[in-house]
N, C-alpha and C. Protein backbone atom coordinates (compact mmCIF):
# COMPACT_ATOMS: atom_id res chain seq x y z
N MET A 1 101.25 175.05 90.28
CA MET A 1 102.35 173.95 89.17
C MET A 1 102.44 172.17 90.06
N SER A 2 102.38 171.41 89.90
CA SER A 2 102.03 169.88 90.73
C SER A 2 102.97 169.58 91.18
N GLU A 3 103.64 169.20 91.79
CA GLU A 3 104.93 168.41 92.51
C GLU A 3 104.51 166.67 92.42
N ILE A 4 105.82 165.82 91.86
CA ILE A 4 105.69 165.52 90.88
C ILE A 4 105.86 163.44 92.81
N VAL A 5 104.59 163.09 92.66
CA VAL A 5 105.16 162.11 93.25
C VAL A 5 105.74 160.75 92.30
N ASP A 6 106.53 160.57 92.84
CA ASP A 6 107.58 159.53 91.68
C ASP A 6 107.30 157.93 92.79
N VAL A 7 107.49 157.51 91.87
CA VAL A 7 106.58 155.91 92.73
C VAL A 7 107.83 154.83 91.27
N LYS A 8 108.08 153.93 92.29
CA LYS A 8 108.98 152.39 90.99
C LYS A 8 108.69 151.44 91.95
N ILE A 9 108.01 150.70 91.02
CA ILE A 9 107.16 149.61 91.17
C ILE A 9 108.29 148.60 90.52
N THR A 10 108.63 147.23 91.67
CA THR A 10 108.99 146.08 90.68
C THR A 10 108.32 145.19 91.52
N SER A 11 108.75 143.97 90.19
CA SER A 11 107.98 142.95 90.90
C SER A 11 108.64 141.88 90.21
N ASP A 12 108.23 140.24 91.40
CA ASP A 12 108.99 139.49 90.90
C ASP A 12 107.38 138.58 91.19
N GLU A 13 107.31 137.70 90.50
CA GLU A 13 105.81 136.34 90.31
C GLU A 13 104.65 137.05 91.26
N SER A 14 104.58 137.07 92.42
CA SER A 14 103.83 137.08 92.90
C SER A 14 103.80 138.64 94.78
N VAL A 15 104.98 138.83 94.42
CA VAL A 15 104.78 140.31 95.31
C VAL A 15 105.73 141.57 94.30
N ALA A 16 104.88 142.33 94.35
CA ALA A 16 105.11 143.94 94.09
C ALA A 16 105.84 144.33 95.43
N VAL A 17 106.27 145.30 94.82
CA VAL A 17 106.77 146.70 95.95
C VAL A 17 106.84 148.11 95.06
N VAL A 18 105.98 148.58 95.74
CA VAL A 18 105.81 150.08 95.21
C VAL A 18 106.70 151.73 96.46
N ALA A 19 107.68 151.76 95.70
CA ALA A 19 108.12 152.22 96.79
C ALA A 19 107.86 153.85 96.48
N PHE A 20 108.03 154.92 97.33
CA PHE A 20 107.53 156.31 97.38
C PHE A 20 109.37 156.55 96.69
N LYS A 21 109.11 157.47 95.93
CA LYS A 21 110.39 158.25 95.95
C LYS A 21 110.08 159.44 96.57
N ALA A 22 110.14 160.63 97.16
CA ALA A 22 109.30 161.78 97.58
C ALA A 22 109.45 162.23 99.39
N ALA A 23 109.98 162.35 100.03
CA ALA A 23 110.31 162.95 101.31
C ALA A 23 108.29 163.60 101.90
N SER A 24 108.29 164.27 101.33
CA SER A 24 106.80 163.99 101.23
C SER A 24 105.68 163.78 99.95
N ILE A 25 104.71 164.11 99.59
CA ILE A 25 103.35 163.01 99.39
C ILE A 25 102.50 164.19 99.99
N SER A 26 102.27 164.93 99.60
CA SER A 26 101.10 165.76 99.21
C SER A 26 100.56 165.83 98.30
N ASP A 27 101.40 166.57 97.32
CA ASP A 27 100.30 166.95 96.32
C ASP A 27 99.34 166.47 95.71
N VAL A 28 98.04 166.93 95.40
CA VAL A 28 96.52 166.24 95.08
C VAL A 28 96.98 165.50 93.70
N GLU A 29 97.33 166.86 92.91
CA GLU A 29 97.65 166.03 91.13
C GLU A 29 98.61 165.09 90.79
N GLY A 30 99.89 165.65 92.11
CA GLY A 30 101.07 164.48 91.83
C GLY A 30 100.23 162.45 93.04
N ILE A 31 99.75 162.87 93.36
CA ILE A 31 98.92 161.47 93.94
C ILE A 31 98.21 161.09 93.08
N ALA A 32 96.87 161.92 93.17
CA ALA A 32 96.28 161.67 91.51
C ALA A 32 97.27 160.96 90.38
N THR A 33 98.38 161.32 90.33
CA THR A 33 98.74 160.74 88.90
C THR A 33 99.91 159.28 89.30
N ALA A 34 100.10 159.36 90.72
CA ALA A 34 100.99 157.52 91.27
C ALA A 34 99.52 156.18 91.10
N SER A 35 98.66 156.78 91.92
CA SER A 35 97.78 156.43 91.81
C SER A 35 97.02 155.46 90.77
N LYS A 36 97.08 156.63 89.56
CA LYS A 36 96.55 155.83 88.37
C LYS A 36 97.99 154.67 88.03
N GLN A 37 98.54 154.87 87.75
CA GLN A 37 100.35 154.43 87.74
C GLN A 37 100.55 153.12 88.97
N ILE A 38 99.65 153.11 90.00
CA ILE A 38 99.95 152.32 90.37
C ILE A 38 98.39 151.26 90.45
N LYS A 39 97.32 152.13 90.07
CA LYS A 39 96.42 150.89 89.66
C LYS A 39 96.77 150.60 88.05
N GLU A 40 97.18 151.09 87.53
CA GLU A 40 97.19 150.54 85.96
C GLU A 40 97.71 149.26 86.41
N PHE A 41 99.13 149.57 87.01
CA PHE A 41 100.13 148.47 87.35
C PHE A 41 99.28 146.49 87.56
N VAL A 42 98.24 147.09 88.82
CA VAL A 42 97.50 146.41 90.28
C VAL A 42 96.47 145.74 89.17
N ASP A 43 95.76 146.25 87.31
CA ASP A 43 95.08 145.31 86.70
C ASP A 43 95.98 145.10 85.47
N GLU A 44 96.70 145.20 85.12
CA GLU A 44 97.93 144.12 84.53
C GLU A 44 98.77 143.56 85.41
N LYS A 45 99.00 143.60 86.72
CA LYS A 45 99.71 142.45 86.69
C LYS A 45 99.25 141.07 87.51
N ARG A 46 97.74 141.67 88.28
CA ARG A 46 97.57 141.38 89.83
C ARG A 46 98.31 140.34 90.46
N PRO A 47 99.52 141.40 91.20
CA PRO A 47 100.07 140.87 91.78
C PRO A 47 99.44 140.09 93.21
N ASN A 48 99.68 139.09 93.28
CA ASN A 48 99.30 138.46 95.27
C ASN A 48 99.68 138.94 96.32
N ARG A 49 99.94 140.16 96.03
CA ARG A 49 100.94 140.56 97.29
C ARG A 49 101.83 141.97 96.55
N LEU A 50 100.98 142.97 97.96
CA LEU A 50 101.57 144.19 97.39
C LEU A 50 101.93 145.33 97.99
N ILE A 51 103.29 145.41 98.27
CA ILE A 51 104.23 146.69 99.61
C ILE A 51 104.16 147.48 99.43
N PHE A 52 104.20 148.25 99.89
CA PHE A 52 104.22 149.74 99.95
C PHE A 52 105.09 149.89 100.68
N ASP A 53 106.45 150.22 100.38
CA ASP A 53 107.44 151.33 100.87
C ASP A 53 107.84 152.25 101.05
N PHE A 54 107.56 152.41 102.08
CA PHE A 54 107.48 153.96 102.72
C PHE A 54 108.95 155.04 103.36
N GLY A 55 109.89 154.20 103.11
CA GLY A 55 110.92 154.47 103.71
C GLY A 55 111.77 156.17 102.42
N GLY A 56 112.30 156.39 104.12
CA GLY A 56 112.14 157.81 103.96
C GLY A 56 111.17 159.01 103.13
N VAL A 57 109.91 158.78 103.41
CA VAL A 57 108.98 159.80 103.90
C VAL A 57 108.44 159.98 104.72
N LYS A 58 108.34 161.48 104.87
CA LYS A 58 108.85 161.86 106.69
C LYS A 58 106.62 162.39 106.43
N PHE A 59 106.39 162.69 105.61
CA PHE A 59 104.74 163.01 105.41
C PHE A 59 104.17 162.92 104.70
N PHE A 60 102.98 162.33 103.95
CA PHE A 60 101.86 162.09 103.43
C PHE A 60 100.64 162.66 104.12
N SER A 61 99.91 162.96 102.52
CA SER A 61 98.45 163.78 102.77
C SER A 61 97.34 162.18 103.37
N SER A 62 96.26 162.88 103.74
CA SER A 62 95.09 162.10 103.83
C SER A 62 95.01 160.88 102.45
N LEU A 63 95.25 161.83 101.59
CA LEU A 63 95.20 160.99 100.00
C LEU A 63 95.87 159.52 100.29
N VAL A 64 96.61 159.78 100.70
CA VAL A 64 97.01 158.91 100.57
C VAL A 64 96.87 157.17 100.63
N LEU A 65 95.71 157.47 102.18
CA LEU A 65 95.36 156.45 102.82
C LEU A 65 94.47 155.93 102.18
N GLY A 66 93.59 156.71 101.19
CA GLY A 66 92.80 156.07 100.43
C GLY A 66 93.13 155.78 99.30
N VAL A 67 94.46 156.23 98.36
CA VAL A 67 95.00 155.11 97.68
C VAL A 67 95.42 153.64 98.27
N LEU A 68 95.29 153.91 99.03
CA LEU A 68 95.82 152.78 99.51
C LEU A 68 94.96 151.81 100.22
N LEU A 69 93.67 152.24 100.54
CA LEU A 69 92.69 151.25 101.48
C LEU A 69 91.92 150.67 99.11
N GLU A 70 91.97 151.77 98.93
CA GLU A 70 90.88 151.27 96.88
C GLU A 70 92.55 150.05 96.58
N ILE A 71 93.87 150.07 96.61
CA ILE A 71 94.30 149.26 96.02
C ILE A 71 94.50 148.05 96.48
N GLN A 72 94.12 148.42 97.88
CA GLN A 72 93.21 146.40 99.73
C GLN A 72 92.20 146.21 98.84
N SER A 73 91.54 146.96 98.51
CA SER A 73 90.35 146.85 97.50
C SER A 73 90.36 145.70 96.35
N LYS A 74 90.53 146.63 95.63
CA LYS A 74 91.17 145.38 94.71
C LYS A 74 91.65 144.20 94.51
N LEU A 75 92.94 144.31 95.46
CA LEU A 75 93.51 143.55 95.52
C LEU A 75 92.82 141.98 96.00
N MET A 76 91.91 142.07 97.67
CA MET A 76 91.20 141.56 97.55
C MET A 76 90.13 140.62 96.56
N MET A 77 89.14 140.95 95.95
CA MET A 77 88.52 141.21 95.12
C MET A 77 89.35 139.51 94.18
N TYR A 78 90.68 138.84 94.13
CA TYR A 78 90.82 137.85 94.50
C TYR A 78 92.11 137.62 95.03
N ASN A 79 91.95 137.38 96.32
CA ASN A 79 91.79 137.31 97.54
C ASN A 79 93.57 137.54 98.10
N GLY A 80 94.53 138.72 97.30
CA GLY A 80 95.73 139.39 96.90
C GLY A 80 95.46 140.57 98.42
N GLU A 81 96.93 140.90 99.01
CA GLU A 81 97.32 141.68 100.39
C GLU A 81 97.84 142.50 99.96
N VAL A 82 97.80 143.53 100.67
CA VAL A 82 98.86 144.75 101.34
C VAL A 82 99.26 144.81 101.70
N ALA A 83 100.47 144.90 102.30
CA ALA A 83 101.23 145.11 103.57
C ALA A 83 102.75 146.72 103.26
N ILE A 84 102.54 147.15 104.87
CA ILE A 84 103.44 148.92 104.81
C ILE A 84 104.91 148.12 105.13
N SER A 85 105.99 148.88 104.28
CA SER A 85 106.86 148.70 104.76
C SER A 85 108.20 150.12 105.36
N ALA A 86 109.10 149.89 106.54
CA ALA A 86 109.91 151.44 106.50
C ALA A 86 109.36 152.47 106.76
N ILE A 87 108.02 152.13 107.59
CA ILE A 87 107.23 153.54 107.58
C ILE A 87 107.63 154.55 109.21
N ASN A 88 107.70 156.00 108.77
CA ASN A 88 107.81 156.62 109.71
C ASN A 88 107.10 156.56 111.02
N PRO A 89 107.40 156.72 112.42
CA PRO A 89 106.71 155.93 113.25
C PRO A 89 106.29 156.69 113.68
N GLN A 90 106.04 158.42 112.72
CA GLN A 90 105.03 159.33 113.29
C GLN A 90 103.92 159.01 112.48
N LEU A 91 104.60 158.61 111.17
CA LEU A 91 103.24 158.62 110.19
C LEU A 91 102.54 157.01 110.65
N HIS A 92 103.18 156.33 111.36
CA HIS A 92 102.47 154.63 111.71
C HIS A 92 101.40 155.42 112.85
N LYS A 93 102.05 156.48 114.12
CA LYS A 93 100.56 156.86 114.91
C LYS A 93 99.23 156.92 114.02
N VAL A 94 99.15 157.38 112.55
CA VAL A 94 97.82 156.98 111.74
C VAL A 94 97.63 156.86 111.45
N PHE A 95 98.40 155.53 110.94
CA PHE A 95 97.51 153.66 110.95
C PHE A 95 97.15 153.80 112.12
N ARG A 96 97.60 154.04 113.80
CA ARG A 96 96.20 153.34 115.14
C ARG A 96 95.58 154.35 115.02
N ILE A 97 95.79 155.98 114.79
CA ILE A 97 94.47 156.47 115.20
C ILE A 97 93.04 156.34 114.41
N THR A 98 93.65 156.47 113.03
CA THR A 98 92.54 155.50 112.10
C THR A 98 92.09 154.18 112.25
N ASN A 99 92.63 153.71 113.24
CA ASN A 99 92.58 151.62 113.31
C ASN A 99 93.23 151.25 112.07
N LEU A 100 93.85 151.84 111.04
CA LEU A 100 94.31 150.93 109.52
C LEU A 100 94.92 150.00 109.97
N ASP A 101 95.61 150.09 111.43
CA ASP A 101 97.21 149.24 111.24
C ASP A 101 96.09 148.32 111.95
N LYS A 102 94.86 148.26 111.89
CA LYS A 102 94.11 146.78 112.04
C LYS A 102 94.05 146.19 110.28
N ILE A 103 93.89 146.74 109.42
CA ILE A 103 93.74 146.28 108.54
C ILE A 103 95.22 145.70 107.30
N PHE A 104 96.19 146.19 107.56
CA PHE A 104 97.52 146.41 107.12
C PHE A 104 98.04 145.88 107.40
N LYS A 105 99.81 144.90 106.81
CA LYS A 105 99.95 144.62 107.58
C LYS A 105 101.89 145.38 107.71
N PHE A 106 102.85 145.37 108.75
CA PHE A 106 103.52 146.22 109.42
C PHE A 106 104.63 145.98 109.48
N PHE A 107 105.99 145.95 107.91
CA PHE A 107 107.17 145.62 108.54
C PHE A 107 108.56 146.33 108.13
N PRO A 108 109.06 146.89 109.16
CA PRO A 108 110.14 147.08 109.24
C PRO A 108 111.37 148.18 107.81
N ASP A 109 111.62 147.17 107.23
CA ASP A 109 111.63 146.61 105.90
C ASP A 109 111.22 146.47 104.48
N SER A 110 111.54 146.56 103.53
CA SER A 110 111.24 145.94 102.52
C SER A 110 111.24 144.43 102.12
N GLN A 111 112.86 144.28 102.80
CA GLN A 111 113.25 143.38 102.55
C GLN A 111 112.76 141.97 103.71
N SER A 112 112.02 142.39 104.50
CA SER A 112 111.76 141.44 105.61
C SER A 112 109.46 141.68 105.33
N ALA A 113 109.38 141.96 104.87
CA ALA A 113 107.94 141.92 103.86
C ALA A 113 108.04 141.88 102.97
N VAL A 114 108.74 141.47 102.44
CA VAL A 114 108.53 140.83 101.23
C VAL A 114 108.71 139.53 101.24
N ARG A 115 110.14 138.81 102.81
CA ARG A 115 110.23 137.34 102.56
C ARG A 115 108.87 137.05 103.08
N GLU A 116 108.18 137.52 103.87
CA GLU A 116 107.56 137.67 104.74
C GLU A 116 105.80 136.87 104.66
N VAL A 117 105.32 137.76 103.40
CA VAL A 117 104.32 137.64 102.45
C VAL A 117 105.10 136.62 101.15
N SER A 118 105.70 136.67 101.14
CA SER A 118 106.30 135.41 99.76
C SER A 118 106.13 133.82 100.98
N CYS A 119 105.46 134.04 101.58
CA CYS A 119 105.70 132.53 102.27
C CYS A 119 104.71 132.04 101.85
């Protein structure tokens, strides 16, 4: 039985926020479903800035890193960018270890991320 990886996507003009609504994001099927939902949103709305909000997430599978990179690549095709907000310090270590902290911008919360990337 697959675990639901619930995401809530909100947007205004050029900034979209993808908020993960689970403490653990590890189910392969759930991640694939969430990834499809996010990709469809990006293809349809073409946001200039996309913020992934990890508030409340305590664990995620490495598949999530692949999703982030794939979305980053899609947005880069039209000069968009991906930012990450509210990430747990333990999870942030994964980004540092893999050098992905050099690819993504990080913010303490989604509000500050929206403010910064909107400029």
